[in-house]
Each structure stands twice: as structure tokens, then as C-alpha cells.
Amino acid sequence: MTVQFNIEYKAMFGEQIVVNIQTEEGELKLPLETTDGERWACDWCVESPEKSYTYYYSVEREGRAVKTEWLMIKHQLEVNAKKAAVYTLYDHWKAMPEDAFLYSSAFTDCINHQVPQVMKPETGSKIVRLIVRAPQLRDGERLGVLGADKALGAWDVQKILPMTQHTYNEWVADIDATHLEGSHLEFKFVAFRNAKNELLWENSMNRTVDLPEMKAGELVSYELDQASFALYNRKLAGTQVPVFSLRTRKSAGIGDFGDLKTMIDFVASTGQKVLQLLPINDTTITHTWTDSYPYSCISVFAIHPQYRRPPCLSLSLEESTKAR
């Protein structure tokens, strides 16, 4: 299998674009080549391909990395096309987006929890792949593609091509190119729920892609700009509580982090999404009752020692001692 990496990046004189591929044997670095200082490409031949690869691009100067992409959302290549011998990838440089908070674990694991799916095997001889990020989707929403070509539904809302979320907030659609009517694709991404009776269209112009001449055994992948959906004002049920007010049978006077675990379980079991705490930073200054004010912290890094649970702390110390 051959993978052809392509990316546009306007580099400065003396800079080199490198693709860093995560494999089972470790990280592999491949330098890309350019003829105009903006369009970079390289080929990678793999004898025994893995099921998928994650990778990212970096900029090097004199062998040292001076800039990398935002590593929270690395590129991911799914090797699921059974007849594809050549994967041609057209990527975008991934910088930190304005909505980076939507990629935090608070959203991906709790508020908008969606488990990534495994890509289904593709048996077509020519595959066109569309990749797009859509972190704005709300809980329960999925992404689909609808376009002018019959293979993309011919703008019929009943024939949406569902996409697969192969990693958090990133969706993929594989299209059998042998079913396409031409080489010019015009389409939009749509958000929908299972019933498909309420669609949310991108609030931008139609997207277009002009395909190259494809041969049998080739997959062409296009990484596109983020889906154009508005950010919604989310309304979430939750609880606000100071840790010291929690009480369980294992408490020692005031609430501690052990009690917090019980509180988190309660919040989750009641369908709530948010648990907001008062500050838990160390406030020890005068060693009197005035130190109880949670907003007079002495450090943004130090956690108040009163919230520790001694039995758990001693267990951690014992395990760390054994490890040594």
C-alpha cells in the first residue's frame, strides 16, 4: 500500500514540513518535498498496513521542530478500503480553533458524549473520502452529506448519506466513485437526528470538490474546512456545591475528595451534566477561621490539604513506595 501525503503550507526559507506518523513500532518521521514552498507532498510505502494511523504535521528548521499542529485533533487515516492500493490524502494544517473548548473531556465525555465508531469496510474499486470536523453538534445529533449527484442523494432530504464519527468531533463519508455521474461534486453537510425529520443545513455556500482522474485501486481523501454550523447556547442541569459541605459516612469533619466521587455518581445518576465547585486552592495564611474563605487562595497550583482523605493518601504512598 502507498500513502501519498499532500498539504498546503507557506513555509519560510529554510523550513521543512515533516509528517509524524504513529505506528505500532513507534513514531515515524517523513520529510515532505515542495517545488514552490507552499504545496508539500511525499509518498509512504507500507508492506503490512495497520487498521488505522494517526499522524500530524510539523515544521522543522535544521532538524529541530519549531512548530506543530494542534495535537488535540490529530489526523486519522482509516485503512478500510479492501481494494485500495493507493491512498491519496489532501490535508489541511490544523491550528488551534476558536472553539477548542468543545474538544475538552468535559464535552466529549459528558455534555456531548458520543462514542467514536469503527469504519465499515469498503469494497469499491474507487473511493472518494470526505472528512470534516463538526464540534458544534448537540447531544444526539449526527452528521450527513447531501449533494447534487445521485450518489449524494440529489438534494433529496430522504436520501442523506450518513457519516461516521471515527474520532471525537470528526466525521467521515466514503463514496464509491464508480457511482458518481461526473468529476465535479457539489454538496453540503447536514445535521440530523435518527428520525431525519428535522435537518440543520450548513449556513454557507455549497461546497465543491473537483476530483482528479482516478484509477482502480485508488482512494482519494479530502480533509475539508470545519462544518459551518452556529454555536448554540447550551442549557444544562447541574449542581453547585462547595466540597467542604459534602457529607458521607467516611467524612472526617468536612467534605473531602472521597466524598466528591460519591457526589459525582449522584449527579450522573440523576441525569445532570455539570458539577460546579467553589475554589479548592490552599488558603492557609493565618491558621485561623478566616482561612476558610475559599476565594483567598495563596496559590493557583496548590490544593488545600484539608480536602485530602488520609486512607486514600496512605494507600497511594504505599503503592508508590512499592513501585520504587
Protein backbone atom coordinates (compact mmCIF):
# COMPACT_ATOMS: atom_id res chain seq x y z
CA MET A 1 0.00 0.00 0.00
CA THR A 2 1.18 3.51 -0.84
CA VAL A 3 0.06 6.61 1.04
CA GLN A 4 0.52 9.97 -0.67
CA PHE A 5 0.50 12.90 1.76
CA ASN A 6 -0.38 16.36 0.42
CA ILE A 7 -0.70 19.59 2.37
CA GLU A 8 -0.55 23.31 1.60
CA TYR A 9 1.62 25.35 3.95
CA LYS A 10 3.52 28.53 3.13
CA ALA A 11 6.87 27.87 4.78
CA MET A 12 9.70 30.31 5.37
CA PHE A 13 13.09 29.87 3.73
CA GLY A 14 14.99 27.05 5.42
CA GLU A 15 11.89 25.38 6.86
CA GLN A 16 10.89 21.77 6.19
CA ILE A 17 7.44 20.19 6.56
CA VAL A 18 7.51 16.77 8.23
CA VAL A 19 4.70 14.26 8.73
CA ASN A 20 4.89 12.36 12.03
CA ILE A 21 3.10 9.00 11.82
CA GLN A 22 2.14 6.98 14.91
CA THR A 23 2.69 3.27 14.21
CA GLU A 24 2.73 0.16 16.39
CA GLU A 25 6.53 0.26 16.25
CA GLY A 26 6.74 3.90 17.29
CA GLU A 27 6.74 7.29 15.62
CA LEU A 28 7.91 7.58 12.03
CA LYS A 29 9.07 10.89 10.56
CA LEU A 30 8.86 11.54 6.83
CA PRO A 31 10.05 14.80 5.22
CA LEU A 32 7.81 16.31 2.54
CA GLU A 33 9.08 17.91 -0.65
CA THR A 34 7.97 21.08 -2.41
CA THR A 35 8.67 22.94 -5.64
CA ASP A 36 7.06 26.26 -4.75
CA GLY A 37 7.42 26.47 -0.95
CA GLU A 38 3.68 26.08 -0.45
CA ARG A 39 2.49 22.71 -1.79
CA TRP A 40 4.16 19.81 0.01
CA ALA A 41 3.97 16.09 -0.73
CA CYS A 42 5.60 12.74 -0.04
CA ASP A 43 4.93 9.03 -0.57
CA TRP A 44 4.99 6.34 2.10
CA CYS A 45 5.05 2.67 1.14
CA VAL A 46 3.68 0.17 3.67
CA GLU A 47 4.03 -3.59 3.27
CA SER A 48 1.71 -4.66 6.10
CA PRO A 49 -0.70 -1.79 6.82
CA GLU A 50 -2.41 -1.41 10.17
CA LYS A 51 -6.15 -0.80 10.54
CA SER A 52 -5.63 2.93 11.06
CA TYR A 53 -2.93 5.53 11.58
CA THR A 54 -2.83 8.83 13.42
CA TYR A 55 -0.39 11.48 12.30
CA TYR A 56 0.37 15.17 12.45
CA TYR A 57 2.50 17.68 10.59
CA SER A 58 5.30 19.79 11.99
CA VAL A 59 7.68 22.46 10.74
CA GLU A 60 11.39 21.83 11.22
CA ARG A 61 14.39 24.06 10.85
CA GLU A 62 17.85 22.49 10.84
CA GLY A 63 16.39 19.22 12.12
CA ARG A 64 14.52 20.75 15.05
CA ALA A 65 10.74 21.16 15.28
CA VAL A 66 9.82 24.84 15.54
CA LYS A 67 6.06 24.44 15.08
CA THR A 68 3.49 21.64 15.20
CA GLU A 69 -0.19 21.33 14.54
CA TRP A 70 -2.69 21.43 17.40
CA LEU A 71 -2.20 17.92 18.77
CA MET A 72 -5.64 17.64 20.37
CA ILE A 73 -7.06 16.65 16.96
CA LYS A 74 -4.50 14.68 15.01
CA HIS A 75 -5.18 13.43 11.51
CA GLN A 76 -6.52 9.88 11.33
CA LEU A 77 -6.25 7.57 8.33
CA GLU A 78 -8.69 4.67 8.22
CA VAL A 79 -7.37 1.75 6.16
CA ASN A 80 -10.74 0.18 5.42
CA ALA A 81 -10.87 0.13 1.60
CA LYS A 82 -10.15 -3.50 0.70
CA LYS A 83 -9.28 -2.83 -2.95
CA ALA A 84 -7.31 0.37 -2.42
CA ALA A 85 -3.59 0.10 -3.10
CA VAL A 86 -3.02 3.87 -3.14
CA TYR A 87 -4.36 6.35 -0.57
CA THR A 88 -4.03 9.96 -1.75
CA LEU A 89 -4.58 12.39 1.13
CA TYR A 90 -5.25 16.12 0.78
CA ASP A 91 -4.90 17.54 4.29
CA HIS A 92 -5.25 20.92 5.96
CA TRP A 93 -2.91 22.31 8.60
CA LYS A 94 -4.75 22.02 11.92
CA ALA A 95 -4.30 25.10 14.08
CA MET A 96 -5.97 25.57 17.45
CA PRO A 97 -9.58 26.61 16.68
CA GLU A 98 -11.62 29.26 18.47
CA ASP A 99 -13.96 26.55 19.75
CA ALA A 100 -11.15 24.44 21.21
CA PHE A 101 -13.11 24.05 24.44
CA LEU A 102 -15.55 21.76 22.59
CA TYR A 103 -12.72 19.20 22.34
CA SER A 104 -12.18 19.08 26.11
CA SER A 105 -13.20 15.98 28.05
CA ALA A 106 -16.00 17.97 29.71
CA PHE A 107 -17.78 18.00 26.35
CA THR A 108 -16.58 14.80 24.65
CA ASP A 109 -17.06 12.60 27.74
CA CYS A 110 -20.00 14.28 29.47
CA ILE A 111 -22.01 17.12 27.94
CA ASN A 112 -21.97 15.85 24.36
CA HIS A 113 -20.86 12.27 24.83
CA GLN A 114 -20.67 10.34 21.55
CA VAL A 115 -18.63 7.19 21.22
CA PRO A 116 -16.47 7.11 18.05
CA GLN A 117 -17.43 4.38 15.60
CA VAL A 118 -15.42 1.86 13.61
CA MET A 119 -15.40 2.49 9.87
CA LYS A 120 -17.14 -0.18 7.81
CA PRO A 121 -15.06 -1.99 5.15
CA GLU A 122 -15.38 -0.52 1.65
CA THR A 123 -15.33 -2.87 -1.34
CA GLY A 124 -15.44 -0.32 -4.17
CA SER A 125 -12.53 -0.07 -6.58
CA LYS A 126 -12.50 3.75 -6.49
CA ILE A 127 -13.31 5.59 -3.26
CA VAL A 128 -13.71 9.31 -2.55
CA ARG A 129 -13.46 10.20 1.14
CA LEU A 130 -14.78 13.39 2.72
CA ILE A 131 -13.56 14.36 6.20
CA VAL A 132 -14.93 17.25 8.22
CA ARG A 133 -14.94 18.41 11.84
CA ALA A 134 -18.26 19.36 13.46
CA PRO A 135 -17.82 20.03 17.19
CA GLN A 136 -20.96 22.22 17.25
CA LEU A 137 -23.29 19.21 17.10
CA ARG A 138 -25.52 18.73 20.11
CA ASP A 139 -26.11 15.53 22.03
CA GLY A 140 -27.94 13.02 19.83
CA GLU A 141 -27.18 14.77 16.53
CA ARG A 142 -25.34 13.10 13.66
CA LEU A 143 -23.75 14.43 10.51
CA GLY A 144 -24.62 13.56 6.94
CA VAL A 145 -23.83 14.80 3.45
CA LEU A 146 -26.30 15.73 0.73
CA GLY A 147 -25.40 16.88 -2.76
CA ALA A 148 -26.31 17.30 -6.41
CA ASP A 149 -25.02 13.92 -7.57
CA LYS A 150 -27.32 10.91 -7.31
CA ALA A 151 -24.67 9.17 -5.21
CA LEU A 152 -25.08 12.06 -2.73
CA GLY A 153 -28.88 11.98 -2.71
CA ALA A 154 -29.57 14.53 -5.50
CA TRP A 155 -30.65 17.04 -2.80
CA ASP A 156 -33.40 14.66 -1.65
CA VAL A 157 -33.58 15.02 2.14
CA GLN A 158 -34.80 11.42 2.39
CA LYS A 159 -31.53 10.17 0.86
CA ILE A 160 -28.93 11.68 3.18
CA LEU A 161 -25.62 9.84 3.18
CA PRO A 162 -24.87 9.26 6.89
CA MET A 163 -21.31 9.90 8.00
CA THR A 164 -19.23 8.05 10.59
CA GLN A 165 -17.67 9.76 13.59
CA HIS A 166 -14.33 7.94 13.57
CA THR A 167 -12.81 10.17 16.24
CA TYR A 168 -14.20 12.86 18.52
CA ASN A 169 -15.92 15.64 16.53
CA GLU A 170 -14.59 14.40 13.18
CA TRP A 171 -16.86 12.73 10.62
CA VAL A 172 -16.06 10.66 7.54
CA ALA A 173 -18.03 9.64 4.45
CA ASP A 174 -16.73 7.13 1.88
CA ILE A 175 -18.29 7.41 -1.58
CA ASP A 176 -18.00 4.83 -4.35
CA ALA A 177 -16.62 6.93 -7.21
CA THR A 178 -17.86 4.44 -9.81
CA HIS A 179 -21.41 5.60 -8.98
CA LEU A 180 -20.65 9.30 -9.50
CA GLU A 181 -22.04 10.99 -12.60
CA GLY A 182 -19.05 13.28 -13.06
CA SER A 183 -15.86 14.60 -11.51
CA HIS A 184 -17.41 17.75 -10.01
CA LEU A 185 -19.01 17.35 -6.58
CA GLU A 186 -21.38 19.93 -5.10
CA PHE A 187 -22.72 19.25 -1.63
CA LYS A 188 -23.47 20.41 1.89
CA PHE A 189 -23.22 18.83 5.31
CA VAL A 190 -26.40 18.48 7.34
CA ALA A 191 -27.01 17.69 11.00
CA PHE A 192 -29.89 15.39 11.85
CA ARG A 193 -31.28 13.07 14.46
CA ASN A 194 -32.36 9.48 13.92
CA ALA A 195 -35.82 10.44 12.63
CA LYS A 196 -34.30 12.73 9.94
CA ASN A 197 -37.40 14.94 10.11
CA GLU A 198 -35.52 17.96 11.44
CA LEU A 199 -32.47 18.88 9.39
CA LEU A 200 -29.94 21.59 10.09
CA TRP A 201 -28.13 22.75 6.96
CA GLU A 202 -24.74 24.42 6.86
CA ASN A 203 -25.16 28.20 6.80
CA SER A 204 -22.65 28.69 4.00
CA MET A 205 -22.39 28.33 0.24
CA ASN A 206 -22.44 24.87 -1.30
CA ARG A 207 -19.12 23.06 -1.09
CA THR A 208 -17.42 21.92 -4.28
CA VAL A 209 -14.67 19.40 -4.99
CA ASP A 210 -13.17 18.68 -8.41
CA LEU A 211 -11.93 15.12 -8.49
CA PRO A 212 -8.80 14.04 -10.36
CA GLU A 213 -8.85 11.18 -12.81
CA MET A 214 -8.95 8.09 -10.63
CA LYS A 215 -7.71 4.60 -11.36
CA ALA A 216 -8.96 1.32 -9.97
CA GLY A 217 -7.47 0.61 -6.54
CA GLU A 218 -7.25 4.27 -5.50
CA LEU A 219 -8.77 6.16 -2.58
CA VAL A 220 -8.71 9.97 -2.62
CA SER A 221 -9.31 11.69 0.72
CA TYR A 222 -10.24 15.36 1.19
CA GLU A 223 -9.94 16.99 4.58
CA LEU A 224 -12.34 19.93 4.47
CA ASP A 225 -12.91 23.09 6.47
CA GLN A 226 -14.96 22.76 9.65
CA ALA A 227 -18.71 22.37 9.19
CA SER A 228 -20.46 25.73 9.17
CA PHE A 229 -22.99 25.45 11.98
CA ALA A 230 -23.78 28.04 14.64
CA LEU A 231 -22.71 27.52 18.25
CA TYR A 232 -25.73 27.00 20.46
CA ASN A 233 -26.25 28.42 23.92
CA ARG A 234 -26.42 25.20 25.86
CA LYS A 235 -28.72 24.88 28.85
CA LEU A 236 -27.51 22.20 31.22
CA ALA A 237 -28.82 20.84 34.50
CA GLY A 238 -26.26 20.76 37.27
CA THR A 239 -25.37 21.35 40.91
CA GLN A 240 -23.15 23.95 42.53
CA VAL A 241 -21.65 22.93 45.84
CA PRO A 242 -18.52 23.60 47.95
CA VAL A 243 -16.53 20.46 48.69
CA PHE A 244 -16.41 21.20 52.42
CA SER A 245 -20.23 20.97 52.65
CA LEU A 246 -20.39 17.37 51.43
CA ARG A 247 -21.05 14.61 53.96
CA THR A 248 -20.72 10.85 53.78
CA ARG A 249 -20.15 8.16 56.42
CA LYS A 250 -16.44 8.30 55.63
CA SER A 251 -16.14 12.06 56.08
CA ALA A 252 -13.82 13.47 58.73
CA GLY A 253 -15.46 16.70 59.82
CA ILE A 254 -15.87 18.31 56.39
CA GLY A 255 -16.18 17.01 52.86
CA ASP A 256 -13.12 15.75 51.00
CA PHE A 257 -12.22 14.40 47.56
CA GLY A 258 -13.50 10.97 48.53
CA ASP A 259 -16.94 12.49 49.14
CA LEU A 260 -16.66 14.26 45.80
CA LYS A 261 -16.59 10.91 43.99
CA THR A 262 -19.89 9.99 45.65
CA MET A 263 -21.34 13.37 44.65
CA ILE A 264 -20.26 12.87 41.04
CA ASP A 265 -22.03 9.49 40.96
CA PHE A 266 -25.18 11.16 42.31
CA VAL A 267 -25.07 13.90 39.68
CA ALA A 268 -24.64 11.35 36.88
CA SER A 269 -27.41 9.07 38.17
CA THR A 270 -29.89 11.96 38.24
CA GLY A 271 -29.22 12.95 34.63
CA GLN A 272 -27.27 16.11 35.42
CA LYS A 273 -24.35 17.22 33.26
CA VAL A 274 -22.46 19.76 35.38
CA LEU A 275 -21.00 19.83 38.89
CA GLN A 276 -19.57 23.23 39.81
CA LEU A 277 -17.33 23.59 42.86
CA LEU A 278 -16.15 26.51 44.88
CA PRO A 279 -12.36 27.01 44.72
CA ILE A 280 -10.33 24.20 46.27
CA ASN A 281 -6.97 26.01 46.34
CA ASP A 282 -4.91 26.31 49.51
CA THR A 283 -5.94 29.33 51.63
CA THR A 284 -3.74 28.71 54.68
CA ILE A 285 -2.36 32.11 55.77
CA THR A 286 -3.26 32.94 59.38
CA HIS A 287 -4.09 29.42 60.65
CA THR A 288 -7.39 30.79 61.99
CA TRP A 289 -11.03 30.52 60.95
CA THR A 290 -10.53 33.36 58.46
CA ASP A 291 -8.62 30.95 56.25
CA SER A 292 -11.91 29.22 55.49
CA TYR A 293 -12.80 31.83 52.87
CA PRO A 294 -12.32 29.82 49.64
CA TYR A 295 -11.51 32.80 47.41
CA SER A 296 -8.40 33.96 49.31
CA CYS A 297 -6.07 31.38 47.81
CA ILE A 298 -2.32 31.60 48.22
CA SER A 299 -1.53 29.62 45.08
CA VAL A 300 -3.28 28.71 41.84
CA PHE A 301 -1.42 25.39 41.83
CA ALA A 302 -1.65 24.16 45.45
CA ILE A 303 -4.75 22.22 46.52
CA HIS A 304 -6.00 22.75 50.06
CA PRO A 305 -4.69 19.91 52.28
CA GLN A 306 -7.98 19.69 54.21
CA TYR A 307 -9.66 18.07 51.20
CA ARG A 308 -7.40 15.03 51.15
CA ARG A 309 -8.67 11.73 52.54
CA PRO A 310 -5.89 10.18 54.69
CA PRO A 311 -6.72 6.49 53.98
CA CYS A 312 -6.54 7.12 50.23
CA LEU A 313 -3.37 9.16 50.61
CA SER A 314 -1.61 6.45 52.64
CA LEU A 315 -2.60 3.85 50.04
CA SER A 316 -1.14 5.96 47.26
CA LEU A 317 2.09 6.45 49.19
CA GLU A 318 2.33 2.71 49.87
CA GLU A 319 1.86 1.88 46.18
CA SER A 320 4.43 4.45 45.09
CA THR A 321 6.91 3.04 47.62
CA LYS A 322 6.40 -0.47 46.26
CA ALA A 323 6.95 0.79 42.73
CA ARG A 324 10.37 2.08 43.72
